[in-house]
């Protein structure tokens, strides 16, 4: 893994035309895009096909969580339509994670696991019967994921130092919940600025609203990239 923290823009919009406009506005400065349930459910594989045709890389954020064979087949299907990174829910358990990891190796795609959503805090975890803190649960699920053969996880920036200490610099970390200083937190509970996340060792930061909803998305992205470049 490169020491550099990469910017990934979340295409969290309802219309493909809006997403396409954004990609064109951002130009060559942004290589990676996250495609999630909102856009993919409406437009399907065409989103990935068009992004790949434009030379972009895609993280397909569908958070697969099902029986092992179903998840493995979903990973293979995602690979066929052009996803570069695919994610599954770590809470699906060791057998499911191992099946996803094997499908990733077969297809040559990167499969990672979601640990604890950045909208979750201790109270939210307790509400679903998990008495651990978010950090404890992230570490538990990250360990399960690594043991199953996955190269990394999705986590909040707050858990990055713990994961770097536990799994070393090669373990991939994709970090949502990134908010530039002064930006609204929205529904995110566990957040950091781009520079803080980079200093903590994020492989990729995922930024949505601060760029997508900006008056000038290109300027907003440029500012975040400059902030990442300032971290040595």
Protein backbone atom coordinates (compact mmCIF):
# COMPACT_ATOMS: atom_id res chain seq x y z
CA UNK A 1 0.00 0.00 0.00
CA UNK A 2 1.19 3.51 -0.77
CA UNK A 3 1.78 5.83 2.19
CA UNK A 4 -0.39 8.38 0.41
CA UNK A 5 -4.01 8.77 1.47
CA UNK A 6 -6.29 8.73 -1.57
CA UNK A 7 -9.49 10.73 -2.01
CA UNK A 8 -12.61 8.80 -2.98
CA UNK A 9 -15.73 10.82 -3.83
CA UNK A 10 -19.10 9.34 -2.87
CA UNK A 11 -21.63 9.66 -5.68
CA UNK A 12 -24.50 9.86 -3.21
CA UNK A 13 -27.02 11.37 -5.62
CA UNK A 14 -30.30 10.07 -7.06
CA UNK A 15 -29.78 10.84 -10.74
CA UNK A 16 -27.03 9.53 -13.02
CA UNK A 17 -27.08 12.84 -14.92
CA UNK A 18 -26.13 14.65 -11.70
CA UNK A 19 -23.40 12.11 -10.97
CA UNK A 20 -22.02 12.44 -14.49
CA UNK A 21 -21.96 16.23 -14.23
CA UNK A 22 -20.07 15.96 -10.96
CA UNK A 23 -17.48 13.56 -12.39
CA UNK A 24 -16.90 15.89 -15.31
CA UNK A 25 -16.60 18.90 -12.98
CA UNK A 26 -14.00 17.13 -10.85
CA UNK A 27 -12.00 16.07 -13.89
CA UNK A 28 -8.71 14.25 -13.67
CA UNK A 29 -8.01 15.34 -10.10
CA UNK A 30 -10.30 12.59 -8.74
CA UNK A 31 -9.66 8.99 -9.78
CA UNK A 32 -11.79 7.05 -7.28
CA UNK A 33 -15.57 7.09 -6.84
CA UNK A 34 -17.87 5.29 -4.45
CA UNK A 35 -21.13 4.03 -5.94
CA UNK A 36 -23.69 3.10 -3.32
CA UNK A 37 -27.22 1.78 -3.01
CA UNK A 38 -28.95 5.05 -3.93
CA UNK A 39 -27.47 5.33 -7.43
CA UNK A 40 -26.91 1.65 -8.16
CA UNK A 41 -30.45 0.59 -7.26
CA UNK A 42 -31.84 3.07 -9.78
CA UNK A 43 -29.39 2.71 -12.67
CA UNK A 44 -27.56 -0.57 -12.10
CA UNK A 45 -24.37 -1.69 -13.89
CA UNK A 46 -24.45 1.17 -16.40
CA UNK A 47 -23.07 3.47 -13.69
CA UNK A 48 -19.93 1.36 -13.33
CA UNK A 49 -19.62 0.79 -17.05
CA UNK A 50 -19.66 4.52 -17.81
CA UNK A 51 -17.28 5.40 -14.98
CA UNK A 52 -14.83 2.75 -16.15
CA UNK A 53 -15.13 4.03 -19.73
CA UNK A 54 -14.07 7.43 -18.38
CA UNK A 55 -10.97 5.87 -16.81
CA UNK A 56 -12.20 6.07 -13.22
CA UNK A 57 -11.91 3.47 -10.47
CA UNK A 58 -14.96 2.33 -8.56
CA UNK A 59 -15.70 1.20 -5.03
CA UNK A 60 -19.08 -0.56 -5.18
CA UNK A 61 -20.55 0.05 -1.74
CA UNK A 62 -23.34 -2.52 -1.51
CA UNK A 63 -22.35 -4.03 1.86
CA UNK A 64 -23.21 -7.61 0.92
CA UNK A 65 -24.52 -9.59 3.91
CA UNK A 66 -26.07 -12.99 3.27
CA UNK A 67 -25.24 -16.69 3.34
CA UNK A 68 -21.67 -17.44 2.20
CA UNK A 69 -22.47 -18.76 -1.28
CA UNK A 70 -24.81 -15.88 -2.09
CA UNK A 71 -22.21 -13.30 -1.02
CA UNK A 72 -19.45 -15.03 -2.99
CA UNK A 73 -21.61 -14.99 -6.12
CA UNK A 74 -22.48 -11.32 -5.53
CA UNK A 75 -18.77 -10.49 -5.33
CA UNK A 76 -18.16 -12.31 -8.61
CA UNK A 77 -21.03 -10.42 -10.25
CA UNK A 78 -19.69 -7.09 -8.97
CA UNK A 79 -16.29 -7.94 -10.42
CA UNK A 80 -17.87 -8.67 -13.81
CA UNK A 81 -19.46 -5.22 -14.04
CA UNK A 82 -16.22 -3.42 -13.25
CA UNK A 83 -16.02 -2.85 -9.49
CA UNK A 84 -12.42 -2.41 -8.32
CA UNK A 85 -13.24 -2.57 -4.60
CA UNK A 86 -16.25 -4.46 -3.21
CA UNK A 87 -17.46 -4.57 0.38
CA UNK A 88 -19.30 -7.01 2.61
CA UNK A 89 -20.55 -6.75 6.19
CA UNK A 90 -18.04 -8.23 8.64
CA UNK A 91 -20.95 -9.14 10.92
CA UNK A 92 -21.87 -11.82 8.38
CA UNK A 93 -19.37 -14.04 10.18
CA UNK A 94 -16.21 -16.03 9.42
CA UNK A 95 -17.65 -18.41 6.81
CA UNK A 96 -19.21 -15.59 4.80
CA UNK A 97 -16.02 -13.50 5.01
CA UNK A 98 -13.91 -16.45 3.86
CA UNK A 99 -16.22 -17.05 0.89
CA UNK A 100 -16.02 -13.37 -0.06
CA UNK A 101 -12.22 -13.42 0.24
CA UNK A 102 -11.99 -16.46 -2.03
CA UNK A 103 -14.23 -14.78 -4.63
CA UNK A 104 -11.98 -11.73 -4.45
CA UNK A 105 -8.88 -13.81 -5.07
CA UNK A 106 -10.56 -15.58 -8.01
CA UNK A 107 -11.56 -12.33 -9.69
CA UNK A 108 -8.50 -10.29 -8.77
CA UNK A 109 -10.67 -7.67 -7.05
CA UNK A 110 -10.21 -6.12 -3.62
CA UNK A 111 -12.86 -7.21 -1.14
CA UNK A 112 -13.06 -5.45 2.20
CA UNK A 113 -15.39 -5.65 5.19
CA UNK A 114 -17.57 -3.02 6.85
CA UNK A 115 -16.96 -3.04 10.60
CA UNK A 116 -19.22 -0.52 12.39
CA UNK A 117 -21.10 2.12 10.42
CA UNK A 118 -19.95 5.67 11.15
CA UNK A 119 -23.56 6.56 12.02
CA UNK A 120 -23.34 4.16 14.99
CA UNK A 121 -22.22 5.11 18.48
CA UNK A 122 -22.31 3.19 21.77
CA UNK A 123 -26.01 3.87 22.31
CA UNK A 124 -26.87 2.65 18.80
CA UNK A 125 -24.84 -0.55 19.33
CA UNK A 126 -26.50 -1.20 22.68
CA UNK A 127 -29.91 -0.81 21.05
CA UNK A 128 -29.17 -3.85 18.87
CA UNK A 129 -27.76 -5.90 21.73
CA UNK A 130 -24.04 -5.20 21.33
CA UNK A 131 -22.52 -4.16 24.65
CA UNK A 132 -19.06 -3.39 23.23
CA UNK A 133 -17.92 0.13 22.45
CA UNK A 134 -17.59 1.00 18.74
CA UNK A 135 -13.80 0.67 19.01
CA UNK A 136 -14.02 -2.78 20.60
CA UNK A 137 -16.48 -3.97 17.99
CA UNK A 138 -14.40 -2.56 15.13
CA UNK A 139 -11.29 -4.38 16.38
CA UNK A 140 -13.19 -7.65 16.81
CA UNK A 141 -14.67 -7.50 13.31
CA UNK A 142 -11.41 -6.35 11.71
CA UNK A 143 -9.63 -9.33 13.27
CA UNK A 144 -12.31 -11.68 11.91
CA UNK A 145 -11.92 -10.10 8.48
CA UNK A 146 -8.15 -10.39 8.40
CA UNK A 147 -8.26 -14.00 9.60
CA UNK A 148 -10.73 -14.78 6.80
CA UNK A 149 -8.26 -13.44 4.22
CA UNK A 150 -9.61 -9.96 3.54
CA UNK A 151 -7.00 -7.22 3.04
CA UNK A 152 -8.82 -4.42 4.85
CA UNK A 153 -11.93 -2.84 6.28
CA UNK A 154 -14.21 0.16 6.25
CA UNK A 155 -13.96 1.97 9.59
CA UNK A 156 -14.18 5.42 11.09
CA UNK A 157 -11.06 7.55 11.37
CA UNK A 158 -11.21 7.28 15.16
CA UNK A 159 -10.26 3.59 14.98
CA UNK A 160 -7.34 4.07 12.58
CA UNK A 161 -4.50 4.23 15.15
CA UNK A 162 -5.80 1.08 16.84
CA UNK A 163 -6.05 -0.80 13.54
CA UNK A 164 -2.61 0.36 12.37
CA UNK A 165 -1.12 -0.91 15.65
CA UNK A 166 -2.95 -4.23 15.42
CA UNK A 167 -2.54 -5.03 11.72
CA UNK A 168 0.32 -2.90 10.41
CA UNK A 169 0.68 -0.42 7.54
CA UNK A 170 -0.38 -2.78 4.71
CA UNK A 171 -3.90 -3.31 6.06
CA UNK A 172 -6.30 -1.29 3.89
CA UNK A 173 -8.59 1.21 5.58
CA UNK A 174 -11.43 3.00 3.79
CA UNK A 175 -12.71 5.83 5.93
CA UNK A 176 -16.09 7.56 5.55
CA UNK A 177 -17.31 10.23 7.95
CA UNK A 178 -14.72 12.74 6.72
CA UNK A 179 -15.66 16.37 7.22
CA UNK A 180 -13.39 19.36 6.47
CA UNK A 181 -13.09 21.77 9.39
CA UNK A 182 -16.31 23.74 9.77
CA UNK A 183 -18.46 21.35 7.71
CA UNK A 184 -21.72 20.01 9.12
CA UNK A 185 -21.51 16.50 10.60
CA UNK A 186 -24.88 15.43 9.19
CA UNK A 187 -25.82 11.92 10.38
CA UNK A 188 -22.21 10.92 11.01
CA UNK A 189 -21.22 10.30 14.64
CA UNK A 190 -17.51 9.42 14.43
CA UNK A 191 -15.77 11.93 12.17
CA UNK A 192 -12.37 13.52 11.42
CA UNK A 193 -10.94 16.08 9.04
CA UNK A 194 -9.02 14.88 5.95
CA UNK A 195 -5.66 15.81 7.47
CA UNK A 196 -6.44 14.06 10.75
CA UNK A 197 -7.46 10.90 8.91
CA UNK A 198 -4.33 10.99 6.76
CA UNK A 199 -2.10 11.44 9.81
CA UNK A 200 -3.84 8.49 11.44
CA UNK A 201 -3.02 6.30 8.44
CA UNK A 202 -6.14 6.14 6.26
CA UNK A 203 -5.60 4.39 2.93
CA UNK A 204 -8.63 6.11 1.40
CA UNK A 205 -10.94 8.82 2.68
CA UNK A 206 -14.50 8.81 1.37
CA UNK A 207 -16.04 12.26 1.01
CA UNK A 208 -19.61 12.88 -0.07
CA UNK A 209 -21.63 15.94 0.89
CA UNK A 210 -18.71 18.35 1.45
CA UNK A 211 -17.88 17.93 -2.26
CA UNK A 212 -21.19 16.86 -3.82
CA UNK A 213 -23.17 19.69 -2.20
CA UNK A 214 -20.46 22.34 -2.55
CA UNK A 215 -21.12 25.49 -4.60
CA UNK A 216 -18.05 24.54 -6.66
CA UNK A 217 -17.26 20.82 -6.22
CA UNK A 218 -13.94 21.11 -8.08
CA UNK A 219 -12.68 23.76 -5.67
CA UNK A 220 -13.90 21.75 -2.68
CA UNK A 221 -12.11 18.63 -3.93
CA UNK A 222 -8.96 20.61 -4.68
CA UNK A 223 -8.91 21.94 -1.12
CA UNK A 224 -9.21 18.44 0.32
CA UNK A 225 -6.46 17.12 -1.96
CA UNK A 226 -4.22 20.01 -0.91
CA UNK A 227 -4.91 19.18 2.72
CA UNK A 228 -3.94 15.54 2.11
CA UNK A 229 -0.78 16.62 0.27
CA UNK A 230 0.20 18.80 3.23
CA UNK A 231 0.46 15.71 5.44
CA UNK A 232 3.89 14.19 5.21
